[in-house]
Amino acid sequence: MKKKKITIGSGGCGNVQPTGTTTALRAVDDVTIYRNFEVPLRVELIIDGGVACCDE
């Protein structure tokens, strides 16, 4: 299922994708990744949509 827009990172919660997992982010418009988001080694992150990386 695609969402219109996805924003991840910052926000004060756990922003580290767990080791050994696969996450797929699918958005019609864009996927925005803010700082403090980590994808460790041996983790698969799939992003489908426009991608914007911000350093705030």
C-alpha atoms as a PDB file:
ATOM      1  CA  MET A   1       0.000   0.000   0.000  1.00  0.00           C
ATOM      2  CA  LYS A   2       1.336   3.443  -0.925  1.00  0.00           C
ATOM      3  CA  LYS A   3       0.789   6.478   1.294  1.00  0.00           C
ATOM      4  CA  LYS A   4       0.628   9.999  -0.106  1.00  0.00           C
ATOM      5  CA  LYS A   5       3.715  11.160   1.835  1.00  0.00           C
ATOM      6  CA  ILE A   6       6.065   9.608   4.422  1.00  0.00           C
ATOM      7  CA  THR A   7       8.285  11.572   6.837  1.00  0.00           C
ATOM      8  CA  ILE A   8      10.779   9.779   9.106  1.00  0.00           C
ATOM      9  CA  GLY A   9      13.624  10.722  11.453  1.00  0.00           C
ATOM     10  CA  SER A  10      13.961  13.205  14.340  1.00  0.00           C
ATOM     11  CA  GLY A  11      10.839  13.347  16.507  1.00  0.00           C
ATOM     12  CA  GLY A  12      12.535  12.055  19.666  1.00  0.00           C
ATOM     13  CA  CYS A  13      11.665   8.374  19.151  1.00  0.00           C
ATOM     14  CA  GLY A  14      13.828   5.400  18.187  1.00  0.00           C
ATOM     15  CA  ASN A  15      14.989   6.223  14.676  1.00  0.00           C
ATOM     16  CA  VAL A  16      17.195   3.191  14.108  1.00  0.00           C
ATOM     17  CA  GLN A  17      15.958   0.397  11.903  1.00  0.00           C
ATOM     18  CA  PRO A  18      16.478  -2.901  13.800  1.00  0.00           C
ATOM     19  CA  THR A  19      19.289  -5.179  12.590  1.00  0.00           C
ATOM     20  CA  GLY A  20      18.136  -8.089  10.443  1.00  0.00           C
ATOM     21  CA  THR A  21      14.980  -6.359   9.216  1.00  0.00           C
ATOM     22  CA  THR A  22      13.663  -5.209   5.860  1.00  0.00           C
ATOM     23  CA  THR A  23      11.553  -2.061   5.650  1.00  0.00           C
ATOM     24  CA  ALA A  24       9.774  -0.769   2.544  1.00  0.00           C
ATOM     25  CA  LEU A  25       8.611   2.855   2.368  1.00  0.00           C
ATOM     26  CA  ARG A  26       6.268   3.527  -0.546  1.00  0.00           C
ATOM     27  CA  ALA A  27       4.781   6.967  -1.163  1.00  0.00           C
ATOM     28  CA  VAL A  28       3.010   8.579  -4.100  1.00  0.00           C
ATOM     29  CA  ASP A  29       4.505  12.060  -3.530  1.00  0.00           C
ATOM     30  CA  ASP A  30       7.686  11.749  -1.469  1.00  0.00           C
ATOM     31  CA  VAL A  31       9.606  10.113   1.355  1.00  0.00           C
ATOM     32  CA  THR A  32      11.334  12.712   3.561  1.00  0.00           C
ATOM     33  CA  ILE A  33      14.183  11.551   5.800  1.00  0.00           C
ATOM     34  CA  TYR A  34      15.273  13.951   8.549  1.00  0.00           C
ATOM     35  CA  ARG A  35      18.495  13.662  10.523  1.00  0.00           C
ATOM     36  CA  ASN A  36      18.846  11.173  13.359  1.00  0.00           C
ATOM     37  CA  PHE A  37      17.677   8.246  11.237  1.00  0.00           C
ATOM     38  CA  GLU A  38      20.031   5.274  11.016  1.00  0.00           C
ATOM     39  CA  VAL A  39      20.089   2.188   8.828  1.00  0.00           C
ATOM     40  CA  PRO A  40      22.794  -0.157  10.186  1.00  0.00           C
ATOM     41  CA  LEU A  41      24.769  -2.726   8.200  1.00  0.00           C
ATOM     42  CA  ARG A  42      22.888  -5.917   7.271  1.00  0.00           C
ATOM     43  CA  VAL A  43      19.567  -4.048   7.092  1.00  0.00           C
ATOM     44  CA  GLU A  44      17.526  -3.553   3.933  1.00  0.00           C
ATOM     45  CA  LEU A  45      15.670  -0.262   3.374  1.00  0.00           C
ATOM     46  CA  ILE A  46      13.581   0.062   0.214  1.00  0.00           C
ATOM     47  CA  ILE A  47      12.316   3.535  -0.728  1.00  0.00           C
ATOM     48  CA  ASP A  48       9.827   3.973  -3.563  1.00  0.00           C
ATOM     49  CA  GLY A  49       8.865   7.577  -4.315  1.00  0.00           C
ATOM     50  CA  GLY A  50      10.460  10.990  -4.459  1.00  0.00           C
ATOM     51  CA  VAL A  51      13.233  11.290  -1.861  1.00  0.00           C
ATOM     52  CA  ALA A  52      14.260  14.455  -0.011  1.00  0.00           C
ATOM     53  CA  CYS A  53      17.004  14.481   2.643  1.00  0.00           C
ATOM     54  CA  CYS A  54      16.976  17.454   5.037  1.00  0.00           C
ATOM     55  CA  ASP A  55      19.599  18.535   7.553  1.00  0.00           C
ATOM     56  CA  GLU A  56      17.742  20.636  10.112  1.00  0.00           C
END
